[in-house]
Amino acid sequence: MSGRGVWQRTRWRLRRFPALLSGCGEQAAAYGRCVAAAAAGPAELRRDLCLEEFRALRDCVARAVSAGSR
């Protein structure tokens, strides 16, 4: 397998990411607010603190990817 083909596919996927993410603005904002609120306090960030918001964002992007590949 050619290494060149791998990089071309990777660049193609990365170029699509902003368009896919743009349809998930509400979920991205909710996740960002959660992380910002968690980081603003004196306590350290903990794993899975914003898990619900992250899963909503991940699911939205996954739906956009599957819709875009049709």
PDB file of N, CA and C in Angstrom:
ATOM      1  N   MET A   1       0.849  -1.189   0.000  1.00  0.00           N
ATOM      2  CA  MET A   1       0.000   0.000   0.000  1.00  0.00           C
ATOM      3  C   MET A   1       0.889   1.244   0.000  1.00  0.00           C
ATOM      4  N   SER A   2       0.509   2.183  -0.766  1.00  0.00           N
ATOM      5  CA  SER A   2       1.283   3.410  -0.902  1.00  0.00           C
ATOM      6  C   SER A   2       1.027   4.351   0.270  1.00  0.00           C
ATOM      7  N   GLY A   3       2.088   4.894   0.819  1.00  0.00           N
ATOM      8  CA  GLY A   3       1.938   5.879   1.884  1.00  0.00           C
ATOM      9  C   GLY A   3       1.279   7.147   1.382  1.00  0.00           C
ATOM     10  N   ARG A   4       1.481   7.448   0.118  1.00  0.00           N
ATOM     11  CA  ARG A   4       0.886   8.645  -0.480  1.00  0.00           C
ATOM     12  C   ARG A   4      -0.644   8.583  -0.444  1.00  0.00           C
ATOM     13  N   GLY A   5      -1.207   7.416  -0.739  1.00  0.00           N
ATOM     14  CA  GLY A   5      -2.657   7.252  -0.716  1.00  0.00           C
ATOM     15  C   GLY A   5      -3.241   7.456   0.677  1.00  0.00           C
ATOM     16  N   VAL A   6      -2.515   7.012   1.676  1.00  0.00           N
ATOM     17  CA  VAL A   6      -2.972   7.180   3.060  1.00  0.00           C
ATOM     18  C   VAL A   6      -3.073   8.666   3.391  1.00  0.00           C
ATOM     19  N   TRP A   7      -2.043   9.430   3.023  1.00  0.00           N
ATOM     20  CA  TRP A   7      -2.057  10.863   3.334  1.00  0.00           C
ATOM     21  C   TRP A   7      -3.120  11.603   2.538  1.00  0.00           C
ATOM     22  N   GLN A   8      -3.369  11.196   1.324  1.00  0.00           N
ATOM     23  CA  GLN A   8      -4.416  11.836   0.525  1.00  0.00           C
ATOM     24  C   GLN A   8      -5.786  11.604   1.156  1.00  0.00           C
ATOM     25  N   ARG A   9      -6.052  10.392   1.593  1.00  0.00           N
ATOM     26  CA  ARG A   9      -7.338  10.100   2.248  1.00  0.00           C
ATOM     27  C   ARG A   9      -7.463  10.868   3.562  1.00  0.00           C
ATOM     28  N   THR A  10      -6.369  10.956   4.307  1.00  0.00           N
ATOM     29  CA  THR A  10      -6.386  11.694   5.570  1.00  0.00           C
ATOM     30  C   THR A  10      -6.675  13.168   5.337  1.00  0.00           C
ATOM     31  N   ARG A  11      -6.000  13.767   4.369  1.00  0.00           N
ATOM     32  CA  ARG A  11      -6.253  15.184   4.053  1.00  0.00           C
ATOM     33  C   ARG A  11      -7.687  15.401   3.602  1.00  0.00           C
ATOM     34  N   TRP A  12      -8.211  14.475   2.821  1.00  0.00           N
ATOM     35  CA  TRP A  12      -9.595  14.595   2.345  1.00  0.00           C
ATOM     36  C   TRP A  12     -10.568  14.588   3.526  1.00  0.00           C
ATOM     37  N   ARG A  13     -10.354  13.677   4.489  1.00  0.00           N
ATOM     38  CA  ARG A  13     -11.233  13.619   5.664  1.00  0.00           C
ATOM     39  C   ARG A  13     -11.112  14.879   6.511  1.00  0.00           C
ATOM     40  N   LEU A  14      -9.895  15.371   6.688  1.00  0.00           N
ATOM     41  CA  LEU A  14      -9.699  16.580   7.484  1.00  0.00           C
ATOM     42  C   LEU A  14     -10.320  17.804   6.823  1.00  0.00           C
ATOM     43  N   ARG A  15     -10.319  17.872   5.508  1.00  0.00           N
ATOM     44  CA  ARG A  15     -10.959  18.993   4.814  1.00  0.00           C
ATOM     45  C   ARG A  15     -12.466  18.975   4.991  1.00  0.00           C
ATOM     46  N   ARG A  16     -13.053  17.812   5.141  1.00  0.00           N
ATOM     47  CA  ARG A  16     -14.499  17.689   5.331  1.00  0.00           C
ATOM     48  C   ARG A  16     -14.935  18.035   6.750  1.00  0.00           C
ATOM     49  N   PHE A  17     -14.030  17.948   7.704  1.00  0.00           N
ATOM     50  CA  PHE A  17     -14.391  18.098   9.115  1.00  0.00           C
ATOM     51  C   PHE A  17     -15.091  19.419   9.446  1.00  0.00           C
ATOM     52  N   PRO A  18     -14.610  20.585   9.001  1.00  0.00           N
ATOM     53  CA  PRO A  18     -15.312  21.833   9.340  1.00  0.00           C
ATOM     54  C   PRO A  18     -16.755  21.867   8.855  1.00  0.00           C
ATOM     55  N   ALA A  19     -16.997  21.347   7.668  1.00  0.00           N
ATOM     56  CA  ALA A  19     -18.364  21.326   7.147  1.00  0.00           C
ATOM     57  C   ALA A  19     -19.242  20.388   7.970  1.00  0.00           C
ATOM     58  N   LEU A  20     -18.694  19.255   8.359  1.00  0.00           N
ATOM     59  CA  LEU A  20     -19.457  18.313   9.180  1.00  0.00           C
ATOM     60  C   LEU A  20     -19.753  18.902  10.558  1.00  0.00           C
ATOM     61  N   LEU A  21     -18.766  19.559  11.126  1.00  0.00           N
ATOM     62  CA  LEU A  21     -18.928  20.138  12.456  1.00  0.00           C
ATOM     63  C   LEU A  21     -19.886  21.326  12.454  1.00  0.00           C
ATOM     64  N   SER A  22     -19.975  22.034  11.332  1.00  0.00           N
ATOM     65  CA  SER A  22     -20.831  23.218  11.283  1.00  0.00           C
ATOM     66  C   SER A  22     -22.302  22.872  11.504  1.00  0.00           C
ATOM     67  N   GLY A  23     -22.702  21.672  11.183  1.00  0.00           N
ATOM     68  CA  GLY A  23     -24.075  21.248  11.422  1.00  0.00           C
ATOM     69  C   GLY A  23     -24.329  20.830  12.855  1.00  0.00           C
ATOM     70  N   CYS A  24     -23.305  20.845  13.675  1.00  0.00           N
ATOM     71  CA  CYS A  24     -23.422  20.397  15.069  1.00  0.00           C
ATOM     72  C   CYS A  24     -23.087  21.534  16.030  1.00  0.00           C
ATOM     73  N   GLY A  25     -23.429  22.742  15.651  1.00  0.00           N
ATOM     74  CA  GLY A  25     -23.074  23.907  16.457  1.00  0.00           C
ATOM     75  C   GLY A  25     -23.649  23.882  17.857  1.00  0.00           C
ATOM     76  N   GLU A  26     -24.885  23.459  17.976  1.00  0.00           N
ATOM     77  CA  GLU A  26     -25.523  23.425  19.301  1.00  0.00           C
ATOM     78  C   GLU A  26     -24.815  22.442  20.229  1.00  0.00           C
ATOM     79  N   GLN A  27     -24.490  21.266  19.714  1.00  0.00           N
ATOM     80  CA  GLN A  27     -23.807  20.255  20.520  1.00  0.00           C
ATOM     81  C   GLN A  27     -22.375  20.685  20.841  1.00  0.00           C
ATOM     82  N   ALA A  28     -21.696  21.295  19.872  1.00  0.00           N
ATOM     83  CA  ALA A  28     -20.332  21.768  20.109  1.00  0.00           C
ATOM     84  C   ALA A  28     -20.314  22.871  21.162  1.00  0.00           C
ATOM     85  N   ALA A  29     -21.294  23.767  21.100  1.00  0.00           N
ATOM     86  CA  ALA A  29     -21.372  24.847  22.083  1.00  0.00           C
ATOM     87  C   ALA A  29     -21.648  24.298  23.480  1.00  0.00           C
ATOM     88  N   ALA A  30     -22.540  23.327  23.582  1.00  0.00           N
ATOM     89  CA  ALA A  30     -22.859  22.732  24.885  1.00  0.00           C
ATOM     90  C   ALA A  30     -21.627  22.043  25.477  1.00  0.00           C
ATOM     91  N   TYR A  31     -20.894  21.333  24.651  1.00  0.00           N
ATOM     92  CA  TYR A  31     -19.672  20.664  25.116  1.00  0.00           C
ATOM     93  C   TYR A  31     -18.631  21.705  25.532  1.00  0.00           C
ATOM     94  N   GLY A  32     -18.470  22.739  24.747  1.00  0.00           N
ATOM     95  CA  GLY A  32     -17.523  23.802  25.078  1.00  0.00           C
ATOM     96  C   GLY A  32     -17.877  24.506  26.373  1.00  0.00           C
ATOM     97  N   ARG A  33     -19.159  24.785  26.569  1.00  0.00           N
ATOM     98  CA  ARG A  33     -19.600  25.418  27.827  1.00  0.00           C
ATOM     99  C   ARG A  33     -19.299  24.520  29.020  1.00  0.00           C
ATOM    100  N   CYS A  34     -19.547  23.235  28.863  1.00  0.00           N
ATOM    101  CA  CYS A  34     -19.299  22.293  29.957  1.00  0.00           C
ATOM    102  C   CYS A  34     -17.819  22.253  30.314  1.00  0.00           C
ATOM    103  N   VAL A  35     -16.958  22.144  29.311  1.00  0.00           N
ATOM    104  CA  VAL A  35     -15.516  22.079  29.566  1.00  0.00           C
ATOM    105  C   VAL A  35     -15.026  23.402  30.167  1.00  0.00           C
ATOM    106  N   ALA A  36     -15.522  24.521  29.639  1.00  0.00           N
ATOM    107  CA  ALA A  36     -15.099  25.828  30.161  1.00  0.00           C
ATOM    108  C   ALA A  36     -15.531  25.992  31.617  1.00  0.00           C
ATOM    109  N   ALA A  37     -16.747  25.569  31.932  1.00  0.00           N
ATOM    110  CA  ALA A  37     -17.240  25.683  33.310  1.00  0.00           C
ATOM    111  C   ALA A  37     -16.420  24.788  34.242  1.00  0.00           C
ATOM    112  N   ALA A  38     -16.080  23.614  33.775  1.00  0.00           N
ATOM    113  CA  ALA A  38     -15.300  22.691  34.606  1.00  0.00           C
ATOM    114  C   ALA A  38     -13.881  23.210  34.815  1.00  0.00           C
ATOM    115  N   ALA A  39     -13.323  23.865  33.814  1.00  0.00           N
ATOM    116  CA  ALA A  39     -11.951  24.357  33.908  1.00  0.00           C
ATOM    117  C   ALA A  39     -11.858  25.681  34.657  1.00  0.00           C
ATOM    118  N   ALA A  40     -12.971  26.372  34.832  1.00  0.00           N
ATOM    119  CA  ALA A  40     -12.956  27.693  35.463  1.00  0.00           C
ATOM    120  C   ALA A  40     -12.766  27.618  36.975  1.00  0.00           C
ATOM    121  N   GLY A  41     -13.159  26.525  37.566  1.00  0.00           N
ATOM    122  CA  GLY A  41     -13.058  26.417  39.021  1.00  0.00           C
ATOM    123  C   GLY A  41     -11.674  26.002  39.466  1.00  0.00           C
ATOM    124  N   PRO A  42     -11.500  25.957  40.775  1.00  0.00           N
ATOM    125  CA  PRO A  42     -10.188  25.578  41.316  1.00  0.00           C
ATOM    126  C   PRO A  42      -9.905  24.075  41.198  1.00  0.00           C
ATOM    127  N   ALA A  43     -10.948  23.284  40.994  1.00  0.00           N
ATOM    128  CA  ALA A  43     -10.748  21.835  40.914  1.00  0.00           C
ATOM    129  C   ALA A  43     -10.151  21.453  39.556  1.00  0.00           C
ATOM    130  N   GLU A  44      -9.517  20.309  39.526  1.00  0.00           N
ATOM    131  CA  GLU A  44      -8.947  19.808  38.277  1.00  0.00           C
ATOM    132  C   GLU A  44     -10.052  19.217  37.404  1.00  0.00           C
ATOM    133  N   LEU A  45      -9.793  19.222  36.103  1.00  0.00           N
ATOM    134  CA  LEU A  45     -10.714  18.552  35.193  1.00  0.00           C
ATOM    135  C   LEU A  45     -10.672  17.056  35.466  1.00  0.00           C
ATOM    136  N   ARG A  46     -11.818  16.441  35.406  1.00  0.00           N
ATOM    137  CA  ARG A  46     -11.889  14.999  35.620  1.00  0.00           C
ATOM    138  C   ARG A  46     -12.386  14.324  34.360  1.00  0.00           C
ATOM    139  N   ARG A  47     -11.952  13.113  34.170  1.00  0.00           N
ATOM    140  CA  ARG A  47     -12.401  12.330  33.031  1.00  0.00           C
ATOM    141  C   ARG A  47     -13.909  12.117  33.122  1.00  0.00           C
ATOM    142  N   ASP A  48     -14.564  12.170  31.998  1.00  0.00           N
ATOM    143  CA  ASP A  48     -16.002  11.912  31.863  1.00  0.00           C
ATOM    144  C   ASP A  48     -16.882  12.972  32.520  1.00  0.00           C
ATOM    145  N   LEU A  49     -16.312  14.107  32.875  1.00  0.00           N
ATOM    146  CA  LEU A  49     -17.097  15.164  33.492  1.00  0.00           C
ATOM    147  C   LEU A  49     -18.149  15.699  32.522  1.00  0.00           C
ATOM    148  N   CYS A  50     -17.802  15.808  31.258  1.00  0.00           N
ATOM    149  CA  CYS A  50     -18.718  16.317  30.227  1.00  0.00           C
ATOM    150  C   CYS A  50     -19.068  15.212  29.236  1.00  0.00           C
ATOM    151  N   LEU A  51     -19.167  13.995  29.724  1.00  0.00           N
ATOM    152  CA  LEU A  51     -19.376  12.842  28.861  1.00  0.00           C
ATOM    153  C   LEU A  51     -20.688  12.928  28.082  1.00  0.00           C
ATOM    154  N   GLU A  52     -21.750  13.356  28.717  1.00  0.00           N
ATOM    155  CA  GLU A  52     -23.052  13.445  28.037  1.00  0.00           C
ATOM    156  C   GLU A  52     -22.983  14.425  26.860  1.00  0.00           C
ATOM    157  N   GLU A  53     -22.369  15.570  27.083  1.00  0.00           N
ATOM    158  CA  GLU A  53     -22.235  16.571  26.032  1.00  0.00           C
ATOM    159  C   GLU A  53     -21.309  16.078  24.915  1.00  0.00           C
ATOM    160  N   PHE A  54     -20.228  15.389  25.302  1.00  0.00           N
ATOM    161  CA  PHE A  54     -19.313  14.856  24.302  1.00  0.00           C
ATOM    162  C   PHE A  54     -20.002  13.811  23.440  1.00  0.00           C
ATOM    163  N   ARG A  55     -20.761  12.932  24.053  1.00  0.00           N
ATOM    164  CA  ARG A  55     -21.463  11.899  23.278  1.00  0.00           C
ATOM    165  C   ARG A  55     -22.471  12.507  22.319  1.00  0.00           C
ATOM    166  N   ALA A  56     -23.153  13.560  22.749  1.00  0.00           N
ATOM    167  CA  ALA A  56     -24.099  14.227  21.855  1.00  0.00           C
ATOM    168  C   ALA A  56     -23.370  14.815  20.646  1.00  0.00           C
ATOM    169  N   LEU A  57     -22.223  15.429  20.870  1.00  0.00           N
ATOM    170  CA  LEU A  57     -21.424  15.987  19.774  1.00  0.00           C
ATOM    171  C   LEU A  57     -20.907  14.874  18.871  1.00  0.00           C
ATOM    172  N   ARG A  58     -20.382  13.829  19.457  1.00  0.00           N
ATOM    173  CA  ARG A  58     -19.862  12.700  18.679  1.00  0.00           C
ATOM    174  C   ARG A  58     -20.958  12.071  17.818  1.00  0.00           C
ATOM    175  N   ASP A  59     -22.141  11.897  18.385  1.00  0.00           N
ATOM    176  CA  ASP A  59     -23.249  11.307  17.637  1.00  0.00           C
ATOM    177  C   ASP A  59     -23.687  12.211  16.490  1.00  0.00           C
ATOM    178  N   CYS A  60     -23.686  13.514  16.722  1.00  0.00           N
ATOM    179  CA  CYS A  60     -24.057  14.465  15.679  1.00  0.00           C
ATOM    180  C   CYS A  60     -23.062  14.394  14.519  1.00  0.00           C
ATOM    181  N   VAL A  61     -21.776  14.385  14.820  1.00  0.00           N
ATOM    182  CA  VAL A  61     -20.756  14.313  13.770  1.00  0.00           C
ATOM    183  C   VAL A  61     -20.863  12.975  13.038  1.00  0.00           C
ATOM    184  N   ALA A  62     -21.110  11.893  13.767  1.00  0.00           N
ATOM    185  CA  ALA A  62     -21.248  10.578  13.128  1.00  0.00           C
ATOM    186  C   ALA A  62     -22.449  10.565  12.175  1.00  0.00           C
ATOM    187  N   ARG A  63     -23.550  11.196  12.575  1.00  0.00           N
ATOM    188  CA  ARG A  63     -24.715  11.277  11.676  1.00  0.00           C
ATOM    189  C   ARG A  63     -24.374  12.091  10.435  1.00  0.00           C
ATOM    190  N   ALA A  64     -23.640  13.173  10.614  1.00  0.00           N
ATOM    191  CA  ALA A  64     -23.255  14.007   9.471  1.00  0.00           C
ATOM    192  C   ALA A  64     -22.328  13.238   8.527  1.00  0.00           C
ATOM    193  N   VAL A  65     -21.424  12.452   9.079  1.00  0.00           N
ATOM    194  CA  VAL A  65     -20.509  11.665   8.243  1.00  0.00           C
ATOM    195  C   VAL A  65     -21.300  10.630   7.455  1.00  0.00           C
ATOM    196  N   SER A  66     -22.214   9.929   8.118  1.00  0.00           N
ATOM    197  CA  SER A  66     -22.970   8.900   7.416  1.00  0.00           C
ATOM    198  C   SER A  66     -23.913   9.502   6.379  1.00  0.00           C
ATOM    199  N   ALA A  67     -24.453  10.681   6.646  1.00  0.00           N
ATOM    200  CA  ALA A  67     -25.309  11.348   5.670  1.00  0.00           C
ATOM    201  C   ALA A  67     -24.497  11.857   4.484  1.00  0.00           C
ATOM    202  N   GLY A  68     -23.260  12.271   4.732  1.00  0.00           N
ATOM    203  CA  GLY A  68     -22.408  12.792   3.669  1.00  0.00           C
ATOM    204  C   GLY A  68     -21.831  11.712   2.776  1.00  0.00           C
ATOM    205  N   SER A  69     -21.812  10.487   3.261  1.00  0.00           N
ATOM    206  CA  SER A  69     -21.237   9.424   2.445  1.00  0.00           C
ATOM    207  C   SER A  69     -22.278   8.728   1.572  1.00  0.00           C
ATOM    208  N   ARG A  70     -23.496   9.179   1.623  1.00  0.00           N
ATOM    209  CA  ARG A  70     -24.552   8.573   0.795  1.00  0.00           C
ATOM    210  C   ARG A  70     -24.561   9.145  -0.579  1.00  0.00           C
TER     211      ARG A  70
END
